[in-house]
Amino acid sequence: GSGAALPIDLGRGVLNRMVAAGVDPLDLDRFLLTHLHADHSGELVALLFALRHGRAEPRSVELHGPRGLDDLVRRIVEAWPSTKPDYPLTVLETEGGLVIDELVRVRAEPVHHGGHAALGFRIEDATTGRCMAFTGDSGPGPALSRLSDGVDLLVAECADGPGPGRGRHLDVDALVELADASQVGRVAVVHIDPRHDRAAVLGELARRLGDRLIEGRDGLRIAV
């Protein structure tokens, strides 16, 4: 593909893990957030601080995310003035649709995560046509079906484990149904709630998805 690095979400420790994977966050100019819960956005404080103080020369940066992102950035800067950008920072809130239209195309879908504004992202390499989707935190619904339709790789949460779920996350049944109905190539499962038996959840997914299943873990690289 294009080789472009495009981070999705900023949970605790993600900046250090990016560096360990050979990707310097300070070299990037775009970041995507699916929603604003702390386990997906908590590293935004450290990122804003690093972008101001860690670069030799200022460069423009875009933050793409759901409704409320601009207010979150403003509150962070109010609480920690040392994070105030001295570079062009553009915060782009979206309710869905095409958010990046270049060699790598990114489309956002508003997904259901209780009463919280949340997005999933579909990413396509315009050169090869290969594509992947990232569910973020989402319960089942038409938006996830649109997002996942025919993708080569689906990175999907399974926080509700064996189920039955409460509709704000995916459980095993919902994830398998989504993958089958959308004719997904491979499924990388992430975000299994630690209250569930991880091995049992992965075992059931493996039984039903077969060799399409990939266990998501830190540092994993998947060719799409």
Protein backbone atom coordinates (compact mmCIF):
# COMPACT_ATOMS: atom_id res chain seq x y z
CA GLY A 1 0.00 0.00 0.00
CA SER A 2 0.95 3.63 0.39
CA GLY A 3 2.82 3.05 3.65
CA ALA A 4 1.11 6.02 5.28
CA ALA A 5 0.81 5.95 9.08
CA LEU A 6 -2.61 7.03 10.30
CA PRO A 7 -3.19 6.48 14.03
CA ILE A 8 -6.69 5.65 15.22
CA ASP A 9 -7.40 6.45 18.88
CA LEU A 10 -5.10 7.64 21.62
CA GLY A 11 -5.53 5.32 24.59
CA ARG A 12 -3.08 5.03 27.47
CA GLY A 13 0.43 4.12 26.37
CA VAL A 14 -0.23 4.30 22.64
CA LEU A 15 2.44 6.93 21.94
CA ASN A 16 5.18 4.78 23.48
CA ARG A 17 3.90 1.75 21.57
CA MET A 18 4.00 3.71 18.32
CA VAL A 19 7.63 4.62 18.93
CA ALA A 20 8.43 1.00 19.76
CA ALA A 21 6.86 0.02 16.43
CA GLY A 22 9.08 2.50 14.58
CA VAL A 23 6.48 5.23 14.11
CA ASP A 24 7.31 8.64 15.61
CA PRO A 25 4.06 10.50 16.45
CA LEU A 26 5.89 13.79 15.94
CA ASP A 27 6.39 12.91 12.28
CA LEU A 28 2.64 12.63 11.68
CA ASP A 29 0.13 15.30 10.79
CA ARG A 30 -3.21 13.48 11.20
CA PHE A 31 -4.82 11.57 14.04
CA LEU A 32 -8.28 9.94 14.18
CA LEU A 33 -10.43 9.38 17.26
CA THR A 34 -13.44 7.08 17.32
CA HIS A 35 -14.90 8.55 20.51
CA LEU A 36 -13.89 10.49 23.57
CA HIS A 37 -13.90 7.93 26.38
CA ALA A 38 -10.65 8.06 28.33
CA ASP A 39 -9.46 4.63 27.19
CA HIS A 40 -9.55 5.91 23.60
CA SER A 41 -8.51 9.56 24.01
CA GLY A 42 -6.54 9.83 27.27
CA GLU A 43 -3.17 10.18 25.53
CA LEU A 44 -4.38 13.32 23.74
CA VAL A 45 -2.92 15.42 26.57
CA ALA A 46 0.54 13.94 26.08
CA LEU A 47 0.27 14.26 22.30
CA LEU A 48 -0.61 17.95 22.44
CA PHE A 49 2.26 18.58 24.86
CA ALA A 50 4.72 16.68 22.64
CA LEU A 51 3.59 18.42 19.46
CA ARG A 52 4.28 21.78 21.05
CA HIS A 53 7.56 21.02 22.80
CA GLY A 54 9.04 18.08 20.89
CA ARG A 55 9.32 19.40 17.34
CA ALA A 56 12.23 21.47 16.07
CA GLU A 57 9.89 23.34 13.73
CA PRO A 58 6.10 23.75 13.94
CA ARG A 59 3.97 21.88 11.39
CA SER A 60 0.23 21.76 10.89
CA VAL A 61 -1.77 18.94 12.53
CA GLU A 62 -5.31 17.68 12.03
CA LEU A 63 -7.42 15.92 14.64
CA HIS A 64 -10.47 14.09 13.23
CA GLY A 65 -13.17 12.81 15.53
CA PRO A 66 -16.76 12.94 16.74
CA ARG A 67 -18.83 15.77 18.11
CA GLY A 68 -17.26 17.14 21.28
CA LEU A 69 -13.62 16.81 20.21
CA ASP A 70 -13.10 20.54 19.79
CA ASP A 71 -14.48 21.20 23.28
CA LEU A 72 -12.24 18.47 24.73
CA VAL A 73 -9.14 20.05 23.18
CA ARG A 74 -10.18 23.45 24.51
CA ARG A 75 -10.64 22.07 28.03
CA ILE A 76 -7.27 20.29 27.91
CA VAL A 77 -5.55 23.54 26.96
CA GLU A 78 -7.38 25.38 29.75
CA ALA A 79 -6.29 22.77 32.30
CA TRP A 80 -2.72 22.42 30.98
CA PRO A 81 -1.64 25.71 29.32
CA SER A 82 1.66 24.06 28.35
CA THR A 83 -0.30 22.05 25.75
CA LYS A 84 -1.54 25.16 23.94
CA PRO A 85 -0.61 24.73 20.27
CA ASP A 86 2.01 27.08 18.84
CA TYR A 87 1.47 25.40 15.44
CA PRO A 88 -1.58 25.29 13.15
CA LEU A 89 -3.99 22.81 14.76
CA THR A 90 -7.25 21.99 12.99
CA VAL A 91 -9.91 20.04 14.87
CA LEU A 92 -12.38 18.47 12.46
CA GLU A 93 -15.56 17.04 13.97
CA THR A 94 -17.63 14.78 11.74
CA GLU A 95 -21.01 13.10 11.84
CA GLY A 96 -19.91 10.73 9.08
CA GLY A 97 -18.80 10.71 5.46
CA LEU A 98 -15.48 11.13 3.66
CA VAL A 99 -12.91 12.73 5.96
CA ILE A 100 -9.70 12.19 3.95
CA ASP A 101 -9.64 11.88 0.15
CA GLU A 102 -6.06 11.27 -0.96
CA LEU A 103 -4.01 8.14 -1.75
CA VAL A 104 -5.50 6.82 1.46
CA ARG A 105 -9.23 7.47 1.65
CA VAL A 106 -10.93 7.51 5.04
CA ARG A 107 -14.69 7.41 5.56
CA ALA A 108 -16.35 7.77 8.94
CA GLU A 109 -19.60 6.11 9.99
CA PRO A 110 -21.53 7.18 13.11
CA VAL A 111 -21.92 4.02 15.19
CA HIS A 112 -24.00 3.15 18.23
CA HIS A 113 -22.20 3.33 21.57
CA GLY A 114 -25.00 4.12 23.98
CA GLY A 115 -25.64 7.84 24.18
CA HIS A 116 -22.08 8.77 23.24
CA ALA A 117 -21.00 10.27 19.93
CA ALA A 118 -18.87 7.58 18.30
CA LEU A 119 -17.41 6.72 14.91
CA GLY A 120 -16.06 3.76 13.02
CA PHE A 121 -13.59 4.27 10.18
CA ARG A 122 -13.21 2.61 6.78
CA ILE A 123 -9.79 3.07 5.17
CA GLU A 124 -9.02 2.33 1.53
CA ASP A 125 -5.77 2.43 -0.41
CA ALA A 126 -6.73 4.25 -3.60
CA THR A 127 -3.84 2.64 -5.49
CA THR A 128 -4.47 -1.02 -4.67
CA GLY A 129 -8.15 -0.94 -3.69
CA ARG A 130 -7.36 -2.87 -0.50
CA CYS A 131 -9.44 -1.73 2.44
CA MET A 132 -9.95 -2.21 6.15
CA ALA A 133 -12.44 -1.06 8.74
CA PHE A 134 -12.13 -0.24 12.42
CA THR A 135 -15.26 -0.56 14.52
CA GLY A 136 -14.16 1.52 17.48
CA ASP A 137 -16.55 0.82 20.35
CA SER A 138 -19.90 -0.02 18.84
CA GLY A 139 -22.91 -2.21 19.17
CA PRO A 140 -24.36 -3.98 16.11
CA GLY A 141 -26.37 -2.04 13.54
CA PRO A 142 -26.61 -0.85 9.93
CA ALA A 143 -23.65 1.53 10.30
CA LEU A 144 -21.28 -1.32 11.12
CA SER A 145 -22.60 -3.28 8.16
CA ARG A 146 -21.90 -0.37 5.81
CA LEU A 147 -18.48 0.10 7.37
CA SER A 148 -17.50 -3.56 7.06
CA ASP A 149 -19.00 -4.46 3.70
CA GLY A 150 -16.45 -6.49 1.74
CA VAL A 151 -13.35 -5.26 3.57
CA ASP A 152 -10.14 -7.23 3.45
CA LEU A 153 -9.57 -6.70 7.17
CA LEU A 154 -11.99 -5.81 9.96
CA VAL A 155 -10.46 -4.66 13.24
CA ALA A 156 -13.32 -5.24 15.63
CA GLU A 157 -13.99 -5.02 19.32
CA CYS A 158 -15.67 -7.85 21.23
CA ALA A 159 -16.05 -6.19 24.61
CA ASP A 160 -19.27 -8.04 25.44
CA GLY A 161 -17.50 -11.37 25.08
CA PRO A 162 -19.78 -14.43 25.06
CA GLY A 163 -22.85 -12.21 25.43
CA PRO A 164 -25.58 -11.51 25.49
CA GLY A 165 -24.52 -7.93 24.91
CA ARG A 166 -26.31 -4.76 25.94
CA GLY A 167 -26.13 -3.16 22.49
CA ARG A 168 -23.24 -0.77 23.14
CA HIS A 169 -20.54 -3.28 22.21
CA LEU A 170 -20.20 -6.44 20.13
CA ASP A 171 -20.43 -9.93 21.54
CA VAL A 172 -19.33 -13.15 19.84
CA ASP A 173 -22.64 -13.74 18.05
CA ALA A 174 -22.85 -10.15 16.79
CA LEU A 175 -19.25 -10.11 15.57
CA VAL A 176 -19.54 -13.42 13.72
CA GLU A 177 -22.84 -12.37 12.13
CA LEU A 178 -21.27 -9.07 11.04
CA ALA A 179 -18.21 -10.76 9.54
CA ASP A 180 -20.27 -13.36 7.68
CA ALA A 181 -22.96 -11.00 6.39
CA SER A 182 -20.37 -8.43 5.27
CA GLN A 183 -18.14 -11.07 3.63
CA VAL A 184 -15.12 -9.81 5.53
CA GLY A 185 -11.75 -11.28 4.57
CA ARG A 186 -10.10 -11.42 8.00
CA VAL A 187 -11.11 -10.28 11.48
CA ALA A 188 -8.60 -8.93 14.00
CA VAL A 189 -10.37 -8.98 17.35
CA VAL A 190 -9.43 -6.44 20.01
CA HIS A 191 -10.87 -4.93 23.18
CA ILE A 192 -12.17 -8.06 24.93
CA ASP A 193 -13.35 -6.92 28.34
CA PRO A 194 -11.06 -8.39 31.05
CA ARG A 195 -14.13 -9.51 33.01
CA HIS A 196 -14.62 -12.20 30.36
CA ASP A 197 -12.54 -15.34 29.86
CA ARG A 198 -10.34 -14.17 26.99
CA ALA A 199 -9.23 -17.65 25.98
CA ALA A 200 -12.84 -18.86 25.86
CA VAL A 201 -13.95 -15.89 23.76
CA LEU A 202 -11.08 -16.36 21.31
CA GLY A 203 -11.72 -20.08 21.18
CA GLU A 204 -15.37 -19.62 20.24
CA LEU A 205 -14.48 -16.99 17.64
CA ALA A 206 -11.84 -19.32 16.18
CA ARG A 207 -14.35 -22.16 16.01
CA ARG A 208 -16.80 -20.03 14.06
CA LEU A 209 -14.48 -17.82 12.00
CA GLY A 210 -11.73 -20.36 11.36
CA ASP A 211 -8.52 -19.05 9.86
CA ARG A 212 -10.11 -15.65 9.24
CA LEU A 213 -9.54 -14.83 12.92
CA ILE A 214 -6.51 -12.85 14.09
CA GLU A 215 -5.89 -12.20 17.78
CA GLY A 216 -5.10 -8.51 18.13
CA ARG A 217 -2.15 -7.69 20.36
CA ASP A 218 0.34 -4.87 20.89
CA GLY A 219 2.95 -4.59 18.16
CA LEU A 220 1.10 -6.83 15.70
CA ARG A 221 1.60 -5.98 12.02
CA ILE A 222 -0.98 -7.15 9.47
CA ALA A 223 -0.55 -6.72 5.72
CA VAL A 224 -3.85 -5.68 4.16
